[in-house]
């Protein structure tokens, strides 16, 4: 499949042209998606707490103790206030 002669379009422009239909189909470039992603911003500490309560609790006791202490000691102090979306 050829988009155009090589001297008419850069590689980056060709990639954008090929990917545009996929991006439009997924809906990630809509105003609604932007607004939704801004509403659902969470911070790492909240997610870490949810993970400990809902996922870590399903592990063996020895794993819960070690992984839980790593999250509390290393990850939350360093990444706790970082924000991320869905």
PDB file of N, CA and C in Angstrom:
ATOM      1  N   UNK A   1       0.840  -1.178   0.000  1.00  0.00           N
ATOM      2  CA  UNK A   1       0.000   0.000   0.000  1.00  0.00           C
ATOM      3  C   UNK A   1       0.881   1.235   0.000  1.00  0.00           C
ATOM      4  N   UNK A   2       0.613   2.144  -0.877  1.00  0.00           N
ATOM      5  CA  UNK A   2       1.369   3.380  -0.970  1.00  0.00           C
ATOM      6  C   UNK A   2       0.464   4.561  -0.682  1.00  0.00           C
ATOM      7  N   UNK A   3       0.932   5.458   0.167  1.00  0.00           N
ATOM      8  CA  UNK A   3       0.164   6.661   0.469  1.00  0.00           C
ATOM      9  C   UNK A   3       0.392   7.732  -0.574  1.00  0.00           C
ATOM     10  N   UNK A   4       1.648   7.898  -0.962  1.00  0.00           N
ATOM     11  CA  UNK A   4       2.031   8.907  -1.929  1.00  0.00           C
ATOM     12  C   UNK A   4       3.499   8.714  -2.270  1.00  0.00           C
ATOM     13  N   UNK A   5       3.999   9.401  -3.260  1.00  0.00           N
ATOM     14  CA  UNK A   5       5.434   9.314  -3.535  1.00  0.00           C
ATOM     15  C   UNK A   5       6.248   9.799  -2.338  1.00  0.00           C
ATOM     16  N   UNK A   6       7.431   9.260  -2.187  1.00  0.00           N
ATOM     17  CA  UNK A   6       8.281   9.533  -1.028  1.00  0.00           C
ATOM     18  C   UNK A   6       8.578  11.014  -0.858  1.00  0.00           C
ATOM     19  N   UNK A   7       8.742  11.725  -1.940  1.00  0.00           N
ATOM     20  CA  UNK A   7       9.130  13.131  -1.839  1.00  0.00           C
ATOM     21  C   UNK A   7       7.964  14.070  -1.541  1.00  0.00           C
ATOM     22  N   UNK A   8       6.742  13.549  -1.401  1.00  0.00           N
ATOM     23  CA  UNK A   8       5.582  14.401  -1.132  1.00  0.00           C
ATOM     24  C   UNK A   8       5.173  14.430   0.338  1.00  0.00           C
ATOM     25  N   UNK A   9       5.642  13.473   1.118  1.00  0.00           N
ATOM     26  CA  UNK A   9       5.187  13.379   2.503  1.00  0.00           C
ATOM     27  C   UNK A   9       6.321  12.826   3.361  1.00  0.00           C
ATOM     28  N   UNK A  10       6.493  13.390   4.558  1.00  0.00           N
ATOM     29  CA  UNK A  10       7.515  12.860   5.455  1.00  0.00           C
ATOM     30  C   UNK A  10       7.014  11.575   6.097  1.00  0.00           C
ATOM     31  N   UNK A  11       7.919  10.867   6.715  1.00  0.00           N
ATOM     32  CA  UNK A  11       7.553   9.619   7.387  1.00  0.00           C
ATOM     33  C   UNK A  11       6.561   9.890   8.512  1.00  0.00           C
ATOM     34  N   UNK A  12       6.779  10.958   9.267  1.00  0.00           N
ATOM     35  CA  UNK A  12       5.879  11.307  10.372  1.00  0.00           C
ATOM     36  C   UNK A  12       4.490  11.649   9.846  1.00  0.00           C
ATOM     37  N   UNK A  13       4.420  12.386   8.749  1.00  0.00           N
ATOM     38  CA  UNK A  13       3.123  12.727   8.165  1.00  0.00           C
ATOM     39  C   UNK A  13       2.390  11.473   7.684  1.00  0.00           C
ATOM     40  N   UNK A  14       3.126  10.554   7.101  1.00  0.00           N
ATOM     41  CA  UNK A  14       2.523   9.303   6.638  1.00  0.00           C
ATOM     42  C   UNK A  14       1.966   8.491   7.806  1.00  0.00           C
ATOM     43  N   UNK A  15       2.719   8.433   8.900  1.00  0.00           N
ATOM     44  CA  UNK A  15       2.236   7.708  10.082  1.00  0.00           C
ATOM     45  C   UNK A  15       0.957   8.335  10.617  1.00  0.00           C
ATOM     46  N   UNK A  16       0.950   9.666  10.712  1.00  0.00           N
ATOM     47  CA  UNK A  16      -0.255  10.351  11.186  1.00  0.00           C
ATOM     48  C   UNK A  16      -1.445  10.067  10.280  1.00  0.00           C
ATOM     49  N   UNK A  17      -1.212  10.063   8.979  1.00  0.00           N
ATOM     50  CA  UNK A  17      -2.291   9.820   8.027  1.00  0.00           C
ATOM     51  C   UNK A  17      -2.846   8.402   8.188  1.00  0.00           C
ATOM     52  N   UNK A  18      -1.962   7.445   8.431  1.00  0.00           N
ATOM     53  CA  UNK A  18      -2.412   6.068   8.614  1.00  0.00           C
ATOM     54  C   UNK A  18      -3.119   5.853   9.949  1.00  0.00           C
ATOM     55  N   UNK A  19      -2.663   6.531  10.987  1.00  0.00           N
ATOM     56  CA  UNK A  19      -3.217   6.313  12.324  1.00  0.00           C
ATOM     57  C   UNK A  19      -4.470   7.135  12.613  1.00  0.00           C
ATOM     58  N   UNK A  20      -4.686   8.195  11.869  1.00  0.00           N
ATOM     59  CA  UNK A  20      -5.831   9.074  12.138  1.00  0.00           C
ATOM     60  C   UNK A  20      -7.163   8.324  12.211  1.00  0.00           C
ATOM     61  N   UNK A  21      -7.486   7.414  11.267  1.00  0.00           N
ATOM     62  CA  UNK A  21      -8.767   6.688  11.377  1.00  0.00           C
ATOM     63  C   UNK A  21      -8.870   5.846  12.652  1.00  0.00           C
ATOM     64  N   UNK A  22      -7.769   5.260  13.083  1.00  0.00           N
ATOM     65  CA  UNK A  22      -7.798   4.465  14.320  1.00  0.00           C
ATOM     66  C   UNK A  22      -8.055   5.350  15.530  1.00  0.00           C
ATOM     67  N   UNK A  23      -7.415   6.497  15.568  1.00  0.00           N
ATOM     68  CA  UNK A  23      -7.596   7.427  16.689  1.00  0.00           C
ATOM     69  C   UNK A  23      -9.034   7.933  16.713  1.00  0.00           C
ATOM     70  N   UNK A  24      -9.557   8.304  15.549  1.00  0.00           N
ATOM     71  CA  UNK A  24     -10.935   8.790  15.491  1.00  0.00           C
ATOM     72  C   UNK A  24     -11.934   7.706  15.889  1.00  0.00           C
ATOM     73  N   UNK A  25     -11.688   6.479  15.459  1.00  0.00           N
ATOM     74  CA  UNK A  25     -12.583   5.375  15.795  1.00  0.00           C
ATOM     75  C   UNK A  25     -12.586   5.089  17.299  1.00  0.00           C
ATOM     76  N   UNK A  26     -11.424   5.213  17.945  1.00  0.00           N
ATOM     77  CA  UNK A  26     -11.334   4.931  19.380  1.00  0.00           C
ATOM     78  C   UNK A  26     -11.997   6.016  20.226  1.00  0.00           C
ATOM     79  N   UNK A  27     -12.121   7.234  19.678  1.00  0.00           N
ATOM     80  CA  UNK A  27     -12.778   8.311  20.407  1.00  0.00           C
ATOM     81  C   UNK A  27     -11.896   9.057  21.385  1.00  0.00           C
ATOM     82  N   UNK A  28     -10.598   8.781  21.393  1.00  0.00           N
ATOM     83  CA  UNK A  28      -9.729   9.431  22.372  1.00  0.00           C
ATOM     84  C   UNK A  28      -9.447  10.883  22.041  1.00  0.00           C
ATOM     85  N   UNK A  29      -9.803  11.346  20.860  1.00  0.00           N
ATOM     86  CA  UNK A  29      -9.556  12.736  20.500  1.00  0.00           C
ATOM     87  C   UNK A  29     -10.816  13.588  20.582  1.00  0.00           C
ATOM     88  N   UNK A  30     -11.819  13.143  21.319  1.00  0.00           N
ATOM     89  CA  UNK A  30     -13.054  13.901  21.463  1.00  0.00           C
ATOM     90  C   UNK A  30     -13.023  14.743  22.739  1.00  0.00           C
ATOM     91  N   UNK A  31     -13.833  15.762  22.750  1.00  0.00           N
ATOM     92  CA  UNK A  31     -13.935  16.626  23.930  1.00  0.00           C
ATOM     93  C   UNK A  31     -14.496  15.842  25.123  1.00  0.00           C
ATOM     94  N   UNK A  32     -15.421  14.931  24.869  1.00  0.00           N
ATOM     95  CA  UNK A  32     -16.006  14.131  25.938  1.00  0.00           C
ATOM     96  C   UNK A  32     -14.940  13.284  26.625  1.00  0.00           C
ATOM     97  N   UNK A  33     -14.061  12.686  25.835  1.00  0.00           N
ATOM     98  CA  UNK A  33     -12.991  11.869  26.404  1.00  0.00           C
ATOM     99  C   UNK A  33     -12.057  12.719  27.252  1.00  0.00           C
ATOM    100  N   UNK A  34     -11.729  13.903  26.776  1.00  0.00           N
ATOM    101  CA  UNK A  34     -10.866  14.802  27.537  1.00  0.00           C
ATOM    102  C   UNK A  34     -11.502  15.176  28.874  1.00  0.00           C
ATOM    103  N   UNK A  35     -12.768  15.550  28.841  1.00  0.00           N
ATOM    104  CA  UNK A  35     -13.449  15.941  30.079  1.00  0.00           C
ATOM    105  C   UNK A  35     -13.551  14.776  31.051  1.00  0.00           C
ATOM    106  N   UNK A  36     -13.842  13.594  30.544  1.00  0.00           N
ATOM    107  CA  UNK A  36     -13.930  12.416  31.410  1.00  0.00           C
ATOM    108  C   UNK A  36     -12.582  12.096  32.042  1.00  0.00           C
ATOM    109  N   UNK A  37     -11.531  12.193  31.262  1.00  0.00           N
ATOM    110  CA  UNK A  37     -10.204  11.888  31.806  1.00  0.00           C
ATOM    111  C   UNK A  37      -9.789  12.918  32.853  1.00  0.00           C
ATOM    112  N   UNK A  38     -10.244  14.133  32.729  1.00  0.00           N
ATOM    113  CA  UNK A  38      -9.919  15.158  33.728  1.00  0.00           C
ATOM    114  C   UNK A  38     -10.707  14.943  35.011  1.00  0.00           C
ATOM    115  N   UNK A  39     -11.902  14.383  34.912  1.00  0.00           N
ATOM    116  CA  UNK A  39     -12.727  14.133  36.093  1.00  0.00           C
ATOM    117  C   UNK A  39     -12.223  12.958  36.911  1.00  0.00           C
ATOM    118  N   UNK A  40     -11.617  11.995  36.279  1.00  0.00           N
ATOM    119  CA  UNK A  40     -11.267  10.765  36.973  1.00  0.00           C
ATOM    120  C   UNK A  40      -9.783  10.679  37.331  1.00  0.00           C
ATOM    121  N   UNK A  41      -9.175  11.826  37.604  1.00  0.00           N
ATOM    122  CA  UNK A  41      -7.768  11.818  37.984  1.00  0.00           C
ATOM    123  C   UNK A  41      -7.635  11.283  39.406  1.00  0.00           C
ATOM    124  N   UNK A  42      -6.713  10.355  39.569  1.00  0.00           N
ATOM    125  CA  UNK A  42      -6.465   9.757  40.879  1.00  0.00           C
ATOM    126  C   UNK A  42      -5.011   9.987  41.250  1.00  0.00           C
ATOM    127  N   UNK A  43      -4.693   9.731  42.490  1.00  0.00           N
ATOM    128  CA  UNK A  43      -3.295   9.818  42.891  1.00  0.00           C
ATOM    129  C   UNK A  43      -2.805   8.417  43.243  1.00  0.00           C
ATOM    130  N   UNK A  44      -1.500   8.232  43.156  1.00  0.00           N
ATOM    131  CA  UNK A  44      -0.899   6.921  43.354  1.00  0.00           C
ATOM    132  C   UNK A  44      -1.253   6.345  44.718  1.00  0.00           C
ATOM    133  N   UNK A  45      -1.210   7.154  45.766  1.00  0.00           N
ATOM    134  CA  UNK A  45      -1.472   6.651  47.117  1.00  0.00           C
ATOM    135  C   UNK A  45      -2.863   6.029  47.226  1.00  0.00           C
ATOM    136  N   UNK A  46      -3.862   6.635  46.564  1.00  0.00           N
ATOM    137  CA  UNK A  46      -5.219   6.075  46.580  1.00  0.00           C
ATOM    138  C   UNK A  46      -5.257   4.719  45.885  1.00  0.00           C
ATOM    139  N   UNK A  47      -4.597   4.633  44.745  1.00  0.00           N
ATOM    140  CA  UNK A  47      -4.573   3.372  44.005  1.00  0.00           C
ATOM    141  C   UNK A  47      -3.809   2.298  44.772  1.00  0.00           C
ATOM    142  N   UNK A  48      -2.711   2.687  45.417  1.00  0.00           N
ATOM    143  CA  UNK A  48      -1.931   1.727  46.195  1.00  0.00           C
ATOM    144  C   UNK A  48      -2.765   1.184  47.350  1.00  0.00           C
ATOM    145  N   UNK A  49      -3.518   2.051  48.000  1.00  0.00           N
ATOM    146  CA  UNK A  49      -4.376   1.623  49.098  1.00  0.00           C
ATOM    147  C   UNK A  49      -5.465   0.671  48.595  1.00  0.00           C
ATOM    148  N   UNK A  50      -6.089   1.012  47.450  1.00  0.00           N
ATOM    149  CA  UNK A  50      -7.092   0.127  46.863  1.00  0.00           C
ATOM    150  C   UNK A  50      -6.484  -1.231  46.537  1.00  0.00           C
ATOM    151  N   UNK A  51      -5.287  -1.226  45.951  1.00  0.00           N
ATOM    152  CA  UNK A  51      -4.620  -2.470  45.577  1.00  0.00           C
ATOM    153  C   UNK A  51      -4.336  -3.336  46.803  1.00  0.00           C
ATOM    154  N   UNK A  52      -3.869  -2.708  47.874  1.00  0.00           N
ATOM    155  CA  UNK A  52      -3.578  -3.464  49.089  1.00  0.00           C
ATOM    156  C   UNK A  52      -4.845  -4.099  49.661  1.00  0.00           C
ATOM    157  N   UNK A  53      -5.950  -3.363  49.641  1.00  0.00           N
ATOM    158  CA  UNK A  53      -7.193  -3.882  50.205  1.00  0.00           C
ATOM    159  C   UNK A  53      -7.870  -4.924  49.319  1.00  0.00           C
ATOM    160  N   UNK A  54      -7.779  -4.767  48.008  1.00  0.00           N
ATOM    161  CA  UNK A  54      -8.536  -5.628  47.095  1.00  0.00           C
ATOM    162  C   UNK A  54      -7.736  -6.717  46.397  1.00  0.00           C
ATOM    163  N   UNK A  55      -6.486  -6.490  46.153  1.00  0.00           N
ATOM    164  CA  UNK A  55      -5.686  -7.472  45.421  1.00  0.00           C
ATOM    165  C   UNK A  55      -4.657  -8.158  46.312  1.00  0.00           C
ATOM    166  N   UNK A  56      -3.962  -7.385  47.103  1.00  0.00           N
ATOM    167  CA  UNK A  56      -2.928  -7.958  47.965  1.00  0.00           C
ATOM    168  C   UNK A  56      -3.542  -8.891  49.003  1.00  0.00           C
ATOM    169  N   UNK A  57      -4.749  -8.586  49.408  1.00  0.00           N
ATOM    170  CA  UNK A  57      -5.404  -9.420  50.424  1.00  0.00           C
ATOM    171  C   UNK A  57      -5.670 -10.843  49.923  1.00  0.00           C
ATOM    172  N   UNK A  58      -5.581 -11.065  48.627  1.00  0.00           N
ATOM    173  CA  UNK A  58      -5.809 -12.393  48.055  1.00  0.00           C
ATOM    174  C   UNK A  58      -4.547 -13.256  48.063  1.00  0.00           C
ATOM    175  N   UNK A  59      -3.424 -12.682  48.440  1.00  0.00           N
ATOM    176  CA  UNK A  59      -2.137 -13.393  48.439  1.00  0.00           C
ATOM    177  C   UNK A  59      -1.888 -14.074  49.785  1.00  0.00           C
ATOM    178  N   UNK A  60      -0.870 -14.919  49.809  1.00  0.00           N
ATOM    179  CA  UNK A  60      -0.475 -15.566  51.063  1.00  0.00           C
ATOM    180  C   UNK A  60      -0.015 -14.508  52.072  1.00  0.00           C
ATOM    181  N   UNK A  61      -0.098 -14.840  53.351  1.00  0.00           N
ATOM    182  CA  UNK A  61       0.262 -13.913  54.424  1.00  0.00           C
ATOM    183  C   UNK A  61       1.687 -13.395  54.269  1.00  0.00           C
ATOM    184  N   UNK A  62       2.637 -14.276  53.943  1.00  0.00           N
ATOM    185  CA  UNK A  62       4.032 -13.839  53.815  1.00  0.00           C
ATOM    186  C   UNK A  62       4.199 -12.835  52.674  1.00  0.00           C
ATOM    187  N   UNK A  63       3.474 -13.041  51.597  1.00  0.00           N
ATOM    188  CA  UNK A  63       3.532 -12.121  50.462  1.00  0.00           C
ATOM    189  C   UNK A  63       2.897 -10.788  50.841  1.00  0.00           C
ATOM    190  N   UNK A  64       1.757 -10.841  51.540  1.00  0.00           N
ATOM    191  CA  UNK A  64       1.093  -9.599  51.965  1.00  0.00           C
ATOM    192  C   UNK A  64       2.003  -8.746  52.824  1.00  0.00           C
ATOM    193  N   UNK A  65       2.711  -9.375  53.743  1.00  0.00           N
ATOM    194  CA  UNK A  65       3.590  -8.613  54.632  1.00  0.00           C
ATOM    195  C   UNK A  65       4.724  -7.945  53.865  1.00  0.00           C
ATOM    196  N   UNK A  66       5.388  -8.703  52.995  1.00  0.00           N
ATOM    197  CA  UNK A  66       6.543  -8.156  52.268  1.00  0.00           C
ATOM    198  C   UNK A  66       6.103  -7.102  51.260  1.00  0.00           C
ATOM    199  N   UNK A  67       5.155  -7.449  50.391  1.00  0.00           N
ATOM    200  CA  UNK A  67       4.733  -6.503  49.361  1.00  0.00           C
ATOM    201  C   UNK A  67       4.070  -5.274  49.966  1.00  0.00           C
ATOM    202  N   UNK A  68       3.275  -5.484  50.997  1.00  0.00           N
ATOM    203  CA  UNK A  68       2.630  -4.351  51.663  1.00  0.00           C
ATOM    204  C   UNK A  68       3.643  -3.397  52.273  1.00  0.00           C
ATOM    205  N   UNK A  69       4.691  -3.954  52.884  1.00  0.00           N
ATOM    206  CA  UNK A  69       5.706  -3.078  53.473  1.00  0.00           C
ATOM    207  C   UNK A  69       6.492  -2.349  52.393  1.00  0.00           C
ATOM    208  N   UNK A  70       6.738  -3.004  51.248  1.00  0.00           N
ATOM    209  CA  UNK A  70       7.426  -2.322  50.146  1.00  0.00           C
ATOM    210  C   UNK A  70       6.602  -1.142  49.634  1.00  0.00           C
ATOM    211  N   UNK A  71       5.314  -1.371  49.467  1.00  0.00           N
ATOM    212  CA  UNK A  71       4.437  -0.293  48.996  1.00  0.00           C
ATOM    213  C   UNK A  71       4.463   0.864  49.980  1.00  0.00           C
ATOM    214  N   UNK A  72       4.308   0.560  51.266  1.00  0.00           N
ATOM    215  CA  UNK A  72       4.272   1.614  52.284  1.00  0.00           C
ATOM    216  C   UNK A  72       5.618   2.318  52.459  1.00  0.00           C
ATOM    217  N   UNK A  73       6.675   1.566  52.408  1.00  0.00           N
ATOM    218  CA  UNK A  73       7.996   2.121  52.701  1.00  0.00           C
ATOM    219  C   UNK A  73       8.634   2.825  51.505  1.00  0.00           C
ATOM    220  N   UNK A  74       8.473   2.271  50.301  1.00  0.00           N
ATOM    221  CA  UNK A  74       9.198   2.788  49.153  1.00  0.00           C
ATOM    222  C   UNK A  74       8.319   3.506  48.119  1.00  0.00           C
ATOM    223  N   UNK A  75       7.223   2.884  47.752  1.00  0.00           N
ATOM    224  CA  UNK A  75       6.439   3.424  46.647  1.00  0.00           C
ATOM    225  C   UNK A  75       5.587   4.631  47.027  1.00  0.00           C
ATOM    226  N   UNK A  76       4.802   4.512  48.099  1.00  0.00           N
ATOM    227  CA  UNK A  76       3.913   5.612  48.472  1.00  0.00           C
ATOM    228  C   UNK A  76       4.691   6.875  48.848  1.00  0.00           C
ATOM    229  N   UNK A  77       5.764   6.804  49.632  1.00  0.00           N
ATOM    230  CA  UNK A  77       6.487   8.040  49.916  1.00  0.00           C
ATOM    231  C   UNK A  77       7.063   8.708  48.659  1.00  0.00           C
ATOM    232  N   UNK A  78       7.468   7.907  47.706  1.00  0.00           N
ATOM    233  CA  UNK A  78       8.093   8.472  46.511  1.00  0.00           C
ATOM    234  C   UNK A  78       7.066   8.894  45.455  1.00  0.00           C
ATOM    235  N   UNK A  79       6.050   8.064  45.229  1.00  0.00           N
ATOM    236  CA  UNK A  79       5.082   8.310  44.163  1.00  0.00           C
ATOM    237  C   UNK A  79       3.698   8.709  44.666  1.00  0.00           C
ATOM    238  N   UNK A  80       3.490   8.769  45.957  1.00  0.00           N
ATOM    239  CA  UNK A  80       2.162   8.923  46.544  1.00  0.00           C
ATOM    240  C   UNK A  80       1.336  10.067  46.025  1.00  0.00           C
ATOM    241  N   UNK A  81       1.946  11.209  45.710  1.00  0.00           N
ATOM    242  CA  UNK A  81       1.184  12.379  45.281  1.00  0.00           C
ATOM    243  C   UNK A  81       1.083  12.518  43.763  1.00  0.00           C
ATOM    244  N   UNK A  82       1.680  11.582  43.036  1.00  0.00           N
ATOM    245  CA  UNK A  82       1.595  11.649  41.565  1.00  0.00           C
ATOM    246  C   UNK A  82       0.179  11.369  41.115  1.00  0.00           C
ATOM    247  N   UNK A  83      -0.277  12.158  40.154  1.00  0.00           N
ATOM    248  CA  UNK A  83      -1.624  12.011  39.618  1.00  0.00           C
ATOM    249  C   UNK A  83      -1.567  11.230  38.320  1.00  0.00           C
ATOM    250  N   UNK A  84      -2.590  10.449  38.083  1.00  0.00           N
ATOM    251  CA  UNK A  84      -2.717   9.760  36.809  1.00  0.00           C
ATOM    252  C   UNK A  84      -4.178   9.518  36.524  1.00  0.00           C
ATOM    253  N   UNK A  85      -4.484   9.367  35.253  1.00  0.00           N
ATOM    254  CA  UNK A  85      -5.874   9.188  34.836  1.00  0.00           C
ATOM    255  C   UNK A  85      -6.159   7.738  34.515  1.00  0.00           C
ATOM    256  N   UNK A  86      -7.292   7.526  33.907  1.00  0.00           N
ATOM    257  CA  UNK A  86      -7.723   6.159  33.603  1.00  0.00           C
ATOM    258  C   UNK A  86      -6.829   5.451  32.609  1.00  0.00           C
TER     259      UNK A  86
END
